[in-house]
PDB file of N, CA and C in Angstrom:
ATOM      1  N   UNK A   1     -56.530 -65.265   5.163  1.00  0.00           N
ATOM      2  CA  UNK A   1     -56.704 -65.223   6.614  1.00  0.00           C
ATOM      3  C   UNK A   1     -55.514 -64.563   7.290  1.00  0.00           C
ATOM      4  N   UNK A   2     -55.660 -64.360   8.571  1.00  0.00           N
ATOM      5  CA  UNK A   2     -54.595 -63.728   9.352  1.00  0.00           C
ATOM      6  C   UNK A   2     -53.555 -64.789   9.703  1.00  0.00           C
ATOM      7  N   UNK A   3     -52.292 -64.465   9.447  1.00  0.00           N
ATOM      8  CA  UNK A   3     -51.215 -65.390   9.800  1.00  0.00           C
ATOM      9  C   UNK A   3     -50.854 -65.156  11.260  1.00  0.00           C
ATOM     10  N   UNK A   4     -50.969 -66.195  12.053  1.00  0.00           N
ATOM     11  CA  UNK A   4     -50.592 -66.057  13.461  1.00  0.00           C
ATOM     12  C   UNK A   4     -49.082 -66.236  13.592  1.00  0.00           C
ATOM     13  N   UNK A   5     -48.509 -65.561  14.567  1.00  0.00           N
ATOM     14  CA  UNK A   5     -47.067 -65.683  14.811  1.00  0.00           C
ATOM     15  C   UNK A   5     -46.723 -67.142  15.092  1.00  0.00           C
ATOM     16  N   UNK A   6     -47.617 -67.810  15.835  1.00  0.00           N
ATOM     17  CA  UNK A   6     -47.383 -69.213  16.177  1.00  0.00           C
ATOM     18  C   UNK A   6     -47.242 -70.057  14.912  1.00  0.00           C
ATOM     19  N   UNK A   7     -48.073 -69.759  13.913  1.00  0.00           N
ATOM     20  CA  UNK A   7     -47.990 -70.486  12.643  1.00  0.00           C
ATOM     21  C   UNK A   7     -46.614 -70.307  12.013  1.00  0.00           C
ATOM     22  N   UNK A   8     -46.131 -69.061  12.051  1.00  0.00           N
ATOM     23  CA  UNK A   8     -44.810 -68.782  11.481  1.00  0.00           C
ATOM     24  C   UNK A   8     -43.751 -69.603  12.203  1.00  0.00           C
ATOM     25  N   UNK A   9     -43.837 -69.607  13.551  1.00  0.00           N
ATOM     26  CA  UNK A   9     -42.854 -70.361  14.322  1.00  0.00           C
ATOM     27  C   UNK A   9     -42.943 -71.854  14.016  1.00  0.00           C
ATOM     28  N   UNK A  10     -44.172 -72.345  13.903  1.00  0.00           N
ATOM     29  CA  UNK A  10     -44.350 -73.765  13.568  1.00  0.00           C
ATOM     30  C   UNK A  10     -43.721 -74.072  12.218  1.00  0.00           C
ATOM     31  N   UNK A  11     -43.956 -73.176  11.260  1.00  0.00           N
ATOM     32  CA  UNK A  11     -43.387 -73.351   9.924  1.00  0.00           C
ATOM     33  C   UNK A  11     -41.864 -73.385   9.999  1.00  0.00           C
ATOM     34  N   UNK A  12     -41.302 -72.404  10.734  1.00  0.00           N
ATOM     35  CA  UNK A  12     -39.844 -72.338  10.857  1.00  0.00           C
ATOM     36  C   UNK A  12     -39.309 -73.594  11.533  1.00  0.00           C
ATOM     37  N   UNK A  13     -40.046 -74.040  12.561  1.00  0.00           N
ATOM     38  CA  UNK A  13     -39.601 -75.206  13.313  1.00  0.00           C
ATOM     39  C   UNK A  13     -39.557 -76.434  12.416  1.00  0.00           C
ATOM     40  N   UNK A  14     -40.585 -76.549  11.552  1.00  0.00           N
ATOM     41  CA  UNK A  14     -40.622 -77.696  10.640  1.00  0.00           C
ATOM     42  C   UNK A  14     -39.508 -77.595   9.599  1.00  0.00           C
ATOM     43  N   UNK A  15     -39.286 -76.379   9.084  1.00  0.00           N
ATOM     44  CA  UNK A  15     -38.416 -76.221   7.919  1.00  0.00           C
ATOM     45  C   UNK A  15     -36.969 -75.852   8.247  1.00  0.00           C
ATOM     46  N   UNK A  16     -36.777 -75.227   9.402  1.00  0.00           N
ATOM     47  CA  UNK A  16     -35.421 -74.820   9.764  1.00  0.00           C
ATOM     48  C   UNK A  16     -35.031 -75.484  11.069  1.00  0.00           C
ATOM     49  N   UNK A  17     -33.921 -76.170  11.059  1.00  0.00           N
ATOM     50  CA  UNK A  17     -33.398 -76.636  12.335  1.00  0.00           C
ATOM     51  C   UNK A  17     -32.717 -75.444  13.000  1.00  0.00           C
ATOM     52  N   UNK A  18     -32.509 -75.535  14.306  1.00  0.00           N
ATOM     53  CA  UNK A  18     -31.860 -74.418  14.994  1.00  0.00           C
ATOM     54  C   UNK A  18     -30.453 -74.196  14.442  1.00  0.00           C
ATOM     55  N   UNK A  19     -29.800 -75.273  14.003  1.00  0.00           N
ATOM     56  CA  UNK A  19     -28.460 -75.137  13.420  1.00  0.00           C
ATOM     57  C   UNK A  19     -28.481 -74.201  12.222  1.00  0.00           C
ATOM     58  N   UNK A  20     -29.470 -74.414  11.346  1.00  0.00           N
ATOM     59  CA  UNK A  20     -29.575 -73.577  10.156  1.00  0.00           C
ATOM     60  C   UNK A  20     -29.811 -72.134  10.572  1.00  0.00           C
ATOM     61  N   UNK A  21     -30.746 -71.971  11.532  1.00  0.00           N
ATOM     62  CA  UNK A  21     -31.084 -70.631  12.005  1.00  0.00           C
ATOM     63  C   UNK A  21     -29.835 -69.932  12.544  1.00  0.00           C
ATOM     64  N   UNK A  22     -29.090 -70.663  13.402  1.00  0.00           N
ATOM     65  CA  UNK A  22     -27.903 -70.061  14.003  1.00  0.00           C
ATOM     66  C   UNK A  22     -26.842 -69.736  12.964  1.00  0.00           C
ATOM     67  N   UNK A  23     -26.701 -70.609  11.971  1.00  0.00           N
ATOM     68  CA  UNK A  23     -25.679 -70.334  10.955  1.00  0.00           C
ATOM     69  C   UNK A  23     -26.055 -69.094  10.156  1.00  0.00           C
ATOM     70  N   UNK A  24     -27.376 -68.900   9.926  1.00  0.00           N
ATOM     71  CA  UNK A  24     -27.813 -67.686   9.221  1.00  0.00           C
ATOM     72  C   UNK A  24     -27.465 -66.460  10.059  1.00  0.00           C
ATOM     73  N   UNK A  25     -27.826 -66.515  11.350  1.00  0.00           N
ATOM     74  CA  UNK A  25     -27.545 -65.382  12.248  1.00  0.00           C
ATOM     75  C   UNK A  25     -26.045 -65.129  12.307  1.00  0.00           C
ATOM     76  N   UNK A  26     -25.300 -66.227  12.481  1.00  0.00           N
ATOM     77  CA  UNK A  26     -23.843 -66.124  12.579  1.00  0.00           C
ATOM     78  C   UNK A  26     -23.253 -65.449  11.344  1.00  0.00           C
ATOM     79  N   UNK A  27     -23.748 -65.891  10.176  1.00  0.00           N
ATOM     80  CA  UNK A  27     -23.206 -65.357   8.936  1.00  0.00           C
ATOM     81  C   UNK A  27     -23.485 -63.862   8.834  1.00  0.00           C
ATOM     82  N   UNK A  28     -24.716 -63.460   9.176  1.00  0.00           N
ATOM     83  CA  UNK A  28     -25.044 -62.036   9.038  1.00  0.00           C
ATOM     84  C   UNK A  28     -24.240 -61.200  10.036  1.00  0.00           C
ATOM     85  N   UNK A  29     -24.058 -61.728  11.251  1.00  0.00           N
ATOM     86  CA  UNK A  29     -23.249 -61.007  12.243  1.00  0.00           C
ATOM     87  C   UNK A  29     -21.808 -60.893  11.765  1.00  0.00           C
ATOM     88  N   UNK A  30     -21.282 -62.006  11.227  1.00  0.00           N
ATOM     89  CA  UNK A  30     -19.896 -62.004  10.748  1.00  0.00           C
ATOM     90  C   UNK A  30     -19.714 -60.978   9.633  1.00  0.00           C
ATOM     91  N   UNK A  31     -20.695 -60.925   8.711  1.00  0.00           N
ATOM     92  CA  UNK A  31     -20.597 -59.958   7.615  1.00  0.00           C
ATOM     93  C   UNK A  31     -20.619 -58.536   8.160  1.00  0.00           C
ATOM     94  N   UNK A  32     -21.504 -58.319   9.138  1.00  0.00           N
ATOM     95  CA  UNK A  32     -21.617 -57.000   9.767  1.00  0.00           C
ATOM     96  C   UNK A  32     -20.268 -56.597  10.369  1.00  0.00           C
ATOM     97  N   UNK A  33     -19.668 -57.522  11.122  1.00  0.00           N
ATOM     98  CA  UNK A  33     -18.381 -57.247  11.764  1.00  0.00           C
ATOM     99  C   UNK A  33     -17.298 -56.988  10.730  1.00  0.00           C
ATOM    100  N   UNK A  34     -17.305 -57.800   9.649  1.00  0.00           N
ATOM    101  CA  UNK A  34     -16.294 -57.618   8.617  1.00  0.00           C
ATOM    102  C   UNK A  34     -16.442 -56.231   8.001  1.00  0.00           C
ATOM    103  N   UNK A  35     -17.689 -55.833   7.757  1.00  0.00           N
ATOM    104  CA  UNK A  35     -17.944 -54.506   7.198  1.00  0.00           C
ATOM    105  C   UNK A  35     -17.403 -53.419   8.105  1.00  0.00           C
ATOM    106  N   UNK A  36     -17.632 -53.565   9.417  1.00  0.00           N
ATOM    107  CA  UNK A  36     -17.143 -52.562  10.361  1.00  0.00           C
ATOM    108  C   UNK A  36     -15.622 -52.519  10.366  1.00  0.00           C
ATOM    109  N   UNK A  37     -15.018 -53.732  10.314  1.00  0.00           N
ATOM    110  CA  UNK A  37     -13.555 -53.787  10.334  1.00  0.00           C
ATOM    111  C   UNK A  37     -12.984 -53.094   9.095  1.00  0.00           C
ATOM    112  N   UNK A  38     -13.600 -53.347   7.942  1.00  0.00           N
ATOM    113  CA  UNK A  38     -13.154 -52.682   6.711  1.00  0.00           C
ATOM    114  C   UNK A  38     -13.264 -51.172   6.861  1.00  0.00           C
ATOM    115  N   UNK A  39     -14.403 -50.738   7.425  1.00  0.00           N
ATOM    116  CA  UNK A  39     -14.639 -49.305   7.584  1.00  0.00           C
ATOM    117  C   UNK A  39     -13.561 -48.686   8.464  1.00  0.00           C
ATOM    118  N   UNK A  40     -13.280 -49.331   9.607  1.00  0.00           N
ATOM    119  CA  UNK A  40     -12.275 -48.782  10.513  1.00  0.00           C
ATOM    120  C   UNK A  40     -10.889 -48.828   9.892  1.00  0.00           C
ATOM    121  N   UNK A  41     -10.622 -49.886   9.109  1.00  0.00           N
ATOM    122  CA  UNK A  41      -9.344 -49.974   8.408  1.00  0.00           C
ATOM    123  C   UNK A  41      -9.168 -48.799   7.469  1.00  0.00           C
ATOM    124  N   UNK A  42     -10.223 -48.503   6.695  1.00  0.00           N
ATOM    125  CA  UNK A  42     -10.169 -47.367   5.775  1.00  0.00           C
ATOM    126  C   UNK A  42      -9.948 -46.080   6.552  1.00  0.00           C
ATOM    127  N   UNK A  43     -10.675 -45.951   7.673  1.00  0.00           N
ATOM    128  CA  UNK A  43     -10.577 -44.733   8.470  1.00  0.00           C
ATOM    129  C   UNK A  43      -9.148 -44.551   8.982  1.00  0.00           C
ATOM    130  N   UNK A  44      -8.547 -45.655   9.461  1.00  0.00           N
ATOM    131  CA  UNK A  44      -7.175 -45.574   9.967  1.00  0.00           C
ATOM    132  C   UNK A  44      -6.203 -45.173   8.864  1.00  0.00           C
ATOM    133  N   UNK A  45      -6.433 -45.711   7.644  1.00  0.00           N
ATOM    134  CA  UNK A  45      -5.564 -45.347   6.526  1.00  0.00           C
ATOM    135  C   UNK A  45      -5.709 -43.865   6.199  1.00  0.00           C
ATOM    136  N   UNK A  46      -6.923 -43.335   6.379  1.00  0.00           N
ATOM    137  CA  UNK A  46      -7.184 -41.944   6.017  1.00  0.00           C
ATOM    138  C   UNK A  46      -6.740 -40.962   7.092  1.00  0.00           C
ATOM    139  N   UNK A  47      -6.519 -41.463   8.314  1.00  0.00           N
ATOM    140  CA  UNK A  47      -6.226 -40.576   9.440  1.00  0.00           C
ATOM    141  C   UNK A  47      -5.066 -39.620   9.170  1.00  0.00           C
ATOM    142  N   UNK A  48      -3.908 -40.114   8.683  1.00  0.00           N
ATOM    143  CA  UNK A  48      -2.803 -39.184   8.393  1.00  0.00           C
ATOM    144  C   UNK A  48      -3.212 -38.102   7.408  1.00  0.00           C
ATOM    145  N   UNK A  49      -3.988 -38.487   6.393  1.00  0.00           N
ATOM    146  CA  UNK A  49      -4.444 -37.514   5.398  1.00  0.00           C
ATOM    147  C   UNK A  49      -5.316 -36.464   6.056  1.00  0.00           C
ATOM    148  N   UNK A  50      -6.230 -36.920   6.940  1.00  0.00           N
ATOM    149  CA  UNK A  50      -7.130 -35.990   7.622  1.00  0.00           C
ATOM    150  C   UNK A  50      -6.323 -35.012   8.462  1.00  0.00           C
ATOM    151  N   UNK A  51      -5.350 -35.538   9.217  1.00  0.00           N
ATOM    152  CA  UNK A  51      -4.521 -34.676  10.067  1.00  0.00           C
ATOM    153  C   UNK A  51      -3.751 -33.678   9.210  1.00  0.00           C
ATOM    154  N   UNK A  52      -3.187 -34.169   8.104  1.00  0.00           N
ATOM    155  CA  UNK A  52      -2.450 -33.303   7.190  1.00  0.00           C
ATOM    156  C   UNK A  52      -3.342 -32.175   6.686  1.00  0.00           C
ATOM    157  N   UNK A  53      -4.577 -32.522   6.294  1.00  0.00           N
ATOM    158  CA  UNK A  53      -5.515 -31.516   5.797  1.00  0.00           C
ATOM    159  C   UNK A  53      -5.806 -30.474   6.869  1.00  0.00           C
ATOM    160  N   UNK A  54      -5.976 -30.931   8.120  1.00  0.00           N
ATOM    161  CA  UNK A  54      -6.238 -29.994   9.216  1.00  0.00           C
ATOM    162  C   UNK A  54      -5.063 -29.039   9.368  1.00  0.00           C
ATOM    163  N   UNK A  55      -3.836 -29.581   9.319  1.00  0.00           N
ATOM    164  CA  UNK A  55      -2.642 -28.742   9.467  1.00  0.00           C
ATOM    165  C   UNK A  55      -2.559 -27.728   8.330  1.00  0.00           C
ATOM    166  N   UNK A  56      -2.772 -28.202   7.093  1.00  0.00           N
ATOM    167  CA  UNK A  56      -2.736 -27.290   5.943  1.00  0.00           C
ATOM    168  C   UNK A  56      -3.782 -26.202   6.109  1.00  0.00           C
ATOM    169  N   UNK A  57      -4.986 -26.611   6.519  1.00  0.00           N
ATOM    170  CA  UNK A  57      -6.075 -25.662   6.734  1.00  0.00           C
ATOM    171  C   UNK A  57      -5.664 -24.611   7.765  1.00  0.00           C
ATOM    172  N   UNK A  58      -5.036 -25.078   8.860  1.00  0.00           N
ATOM    173  CA  UNK A  58      -4.583 -24.159   9.907  1.00  0.00           C
ATOM    174  C   UNK A  58      -3.593 -23.146   9.351  1.00  0.00           C
ATOM    175  N   UNK A  59      -2.605 -23.635   8.595  1.00  0.00           N
ATOM    176  CA  UNK A  59      -1.569 -22.748   8.067  1.00  0.00           C
ATOM    177  C   UNK A  59      -2.179 -21.722   7.123  1.00  0.00           C
ATOM    178  N   UNK A  60      -3.060 -22.193   6.229  1.00  0.00           N
ATOM    179  CA  UNK A  60      -3.723 -21.269   5.300  1.00  0.00           C
ATOM    180  C   UNK A  60      -4.520 -20.234   6.077  1.00  0.00           C
ATOM    181  N   UNK A  61      -5.272 -20.715   7.074  1.00  0.00           N
ATOM    182  CA  UNK A  61      -6.078 -19.836   7.924  1.00  0.00           C
ATOM    183  C   UNK A  61      -5.203 -18.766   8.576  1.00  0.00           C
ATOM    184  N   UNK A  62      -4.041 -19.210   9.063  1.00  0.00           N
ATOM    185  CA  UNK A  62      -3.122 -18.278   9.719  1.00  0.00           C
ATOM    186  C   UNK A  62      -2.571 -17.257   8.738  1.00  0.00           C
ATOM    187  N   UNK A  63      -2.137 -17.732   7.573  1.00  0.00           N
ATOM    188  CA  UNK A  63      -1.559 -16.826   6.582  1.00  0.00           C
ATOM    189  C   UNK A  63      -2.586 -15.766   6.202  1.00  0.00           C
ATOM    190  N   UNK A  64      -3.848 -16.190   6.051  1.00  0.00           N
ATOM    191  CA  UNK A  64      -4.890 -15.225   5.688  1.00  0.00           C
ATOM    192  C   UNK A  64      -5.134 -14.248   6.834  1.00  0.00           C
ATOM    193  N   UNK A  65      -5.278 -14.763   8.065  1.00  0.00           N
ATOM    194  CA  UNK A  65      -5.649 -13.880   9.174  1.00  0.00           C
ATOM    195  C   UNK A  65      -4.473 -13.033   9.648  1.00  0.00           C
ATOM    196  N   UNK A  66      -3.278 -13.595   9.694  1.00  0.00           N
ATOM    197  CA  UNK A  66      -2.132 -12.857  10.228  1.00  0.00           C
ATOM    198  C   UNK A  66      -1.386 -12.100   9.136  1.00  0.00           C
ATOM    199  N   UNK A  67      -1.640 -12.453   7.873  1.00  0.00           N
ATOM    200  CA  UNK A  67      -0.914 -11.822   6.776  1.00  0.00           C
ATOM    201  C   UNK A  67       0.552 -12.186   6.812  1.00  0.00           C
ATOM    202  N   UNK A  68       0.854 -13.460   7.054  1.00  0.00           N
ATOM    203  CA  UNK A  68       2.248 -13.891   7.094  1.00  0.00           C
ATOM    204  C   UNK A  68       2.920 -13.397   8.362  1.00  0.00           C
ATOM    205  N   UNK A  69       4.111 -12.796   8.225  1.00  0.00           N
ATOM    206  CA  UNK A  69       4.796 -12.217   9.382  1.00  0.00           C
ATOM    207  C   UNK A  69       5.137 -13.266  10.414  1.00  0.00           C
ATOM    208  N   UNK A  70       4.612 -13.067  11.621  1.00  0.00           N
ATOM    209  CA  UNK A  70       4.965 -13.970  12.729  1.00  0.00           C
ATOM    210  C   UNK A  70       3.998 -15.157  12.782  1.00  0.00           C
ATOM    211  N   UNK A  71       3.803 -15.798  11.630  1.00  0.00           N
ATOM    212  CA  UNK A  71       2.802 -16.867  11.517  1.00  0.00           C
ATOM    213  C   UNK A  71       3.078 -18.006  12.491  1.00  0.00           C
ATOM    214  N   UNK A  72       4.331 -18.430  12.588  1.00  0.00           N
ATOM    215  CA  UNK A  72       4.648 -19.622  13.360  1.00  0.00           C
ATOM    216  C   UNK A  72       4.284 -19.477  14.827  1.00  0.00           C
ATOM    217  N   UNK A  73       4.458 -18.281  15.382  1.00  0.00           N
ATOM    218  CA  UNK A  73       4.162 -18.110  16.799  1.00  0.00           C
ATOM    219  C   UNK A  73       2.662 -18.183  17.060  1.00  0.00           C
ATOM    220  N   UNK A  74       1.861 -18.010  16.006  1.00  0.00           N
ATOM    221  CA  UNK A  74       0.412 -18.009  16.199  1.00  0.00           C
ATOM    222  C   UNK A  74      -0.227 -19.357  15.908  1.00  0.00           C
ATOM    223  N   UNK A  75       0.563 -20.317  15.420  1.00  0.00           N
ATOM    224  CA  UNK A  75      -0.031 -21.606  15.043  1.00  0.00           C
ATOM    225  C   UNK A  75      -0.692 -22.265  16.247  1.00  0.00           C
ATOM    226  N   UNK A  76       0.013 -22.297  17.368  1.00  0.00           N
ATOM    227  CA  UNK A  76      -0.557 -22.909  18.569  1.00  0.00           C
ATOM    228  C   UNK A  76      -1.828 -22.206  18.990  1.00  0.00           C
ATOM    229  N   UNK A  77      -1.794 -20.887  18.957  1.00  0.00           N
ATOM    230  CA  UNK A  77      -2.935 -20.072  19.359  1.00  0.00           C
ATOM    231  C   UNK A  77      -4.142 -20.393  18.482  1.00  0.00           C
ATOM    232  N   UNK A  78      -3.928 -20.378  17.172  1.00  0.00           N
ATOM    233  CA  UNK A  78      -5.014 -20.638  16.233  1.00  0.00           C
ATOM    234  C   UNK A  78      -5.515 -22.072  16.386  1.00  0.00           C
ATOM    235  N   UNK A  79      -4.579 -22.987  16.635  1.00  0.00           N
ATOM    236  CA  UNK A  79      -4.979 -24.385  16.797  1.00  0.00           C
ATOM    237  C   UNK A  79      -5.964 -24.510  17.949  1.00  0.00           C
ATOM    238  N   UNK A  80      -5.691 -23.787  19.040  1.00  0.00           N
ATOM    239  CA  UNK A  80      -6.596 -23.880  20.183  1.00  0.00           C
ATOM    240  C   UNK A  80      -7.935 -23.229  19.866  1.00  0.00           C
ATOM    241  N   UNK A  81      -7.944 -22.248  18.967  1.00  0.00           N
ATOM    242  CA  UNK A  81      -9.216 -21.631  18.578  1.00  0.00           C
ATOM    243  C   UNK A  81      -9.997 -22.553  17.653  1.00  0.00           C
ATOM    244  N   UNK A  82      -9.317 -23.081  16.631  1.00  0.00           N
ATOM    245  CA  UNK A  82      -9.998 -23.885  15.617  1.00  0.00           C
ATOM    246  C   UNK A  82     -10.375 -25.253  16.177  1.00  0.00           C
ATOM    247  N   UNK A  83      -9.475 -25.845  16.956  1.00  0.00           N
ATOM    248  CA  UNK A  83      -9.751 -27.157  17.548  1.00  0.00           C
ATOM    249  C   UNK A  83      -9.770 -26.992  19.067  1.00  0.00           C
ATOM    250  N   UNK A  84     -10.903 -26.549  19.620  1.00  0.00           N
ATOM    251  CA  UNK A  84     -10.934 -26.235  21.049  1.00  0.00           C
ATOM    252  C   UNK A  84     -10.707 -27.451  21.944  1.00  0.00           C
ATOM    253  N   UNK A  85     -11.072 -28.644  21.483  1.00  0.00           N
ATOM    254  CA  UNK A  85     -10.928 -29.819  22.349  1.00  0.00           C
ATOM    255  C   UNK A  85      -9.602 -30.530  22.136  1.00  0.00           C
ATOM    256  N   UNK A  86      -8.568 -29.762  21.758  1.00  0.00           N
ATOM    257  CA  UNK A  86      -7.256 -30.369  21.541  1.00  0.00           C
ATOM    258  C   UNK A  86      -6.549 -30.576  22.880  1.00  0.00           C
ATOM    259  N   UNK A  87      -6.906 -29.766  23.870  1.00  0.00           N
ATOM    260  CA  UNK A  87      -6.282 -29.846  25.188  1.00  0.00           C
ATOM    261  C   UNK A  87      -6.836 -31.000  25.996  1.00  0.00           C
ATOM    262  N   UNK A  88      -6.384 -31.121  27.244  1.00  0.00           N
ATOM    263  CA  UNK A  88      -6.890 -32.195  28.108  1.00  0.00           C
ATOM    264  C   UNK A  88      -8.374 -31.990  28.392  1.00  0.00           C
ATOM    265  N   UNK A  89      -9.131 -33.068  28.491  1.00  0.00           N
ATOM    266  CA  UNK A  89     -10.562 -32.925  28.787  1.00  0.00           C
ATOM    267  C   UNK A  89     -10.778 -32.321  30.167  1.00  0.00           C
ATOM    268  N   UNK A  90     -11.807 -31.533  30.345  1.00  0.00           N
ATOM    269  CA  UNK A  90     -12.062 -30.877  31.645  1.00  0.00           C
ATOM    270  C   UNK A  90     -12.361 -31.884  32.745  1.00  0.00           C
TER     271      UNK A  90
END
């Protein structure tokens, strides 16, 4: 037969107290938050590496495009080209 939603609620009401229900919800939310915190922690640890990679990429890009020479004076210029949103937001 067709299971009515009301039947499900009645079943839950008989078998689960609201305390149990809330502890289940609480636990899943807590796990979710912990997962996010771990993710952000990892991201923060990786941030210096990411920035370093961007800088290395910029320097390599400059050496290839400028052929060495006055590379340092062009770093800022290239940075604004490669990372256009580095400046203040409009």
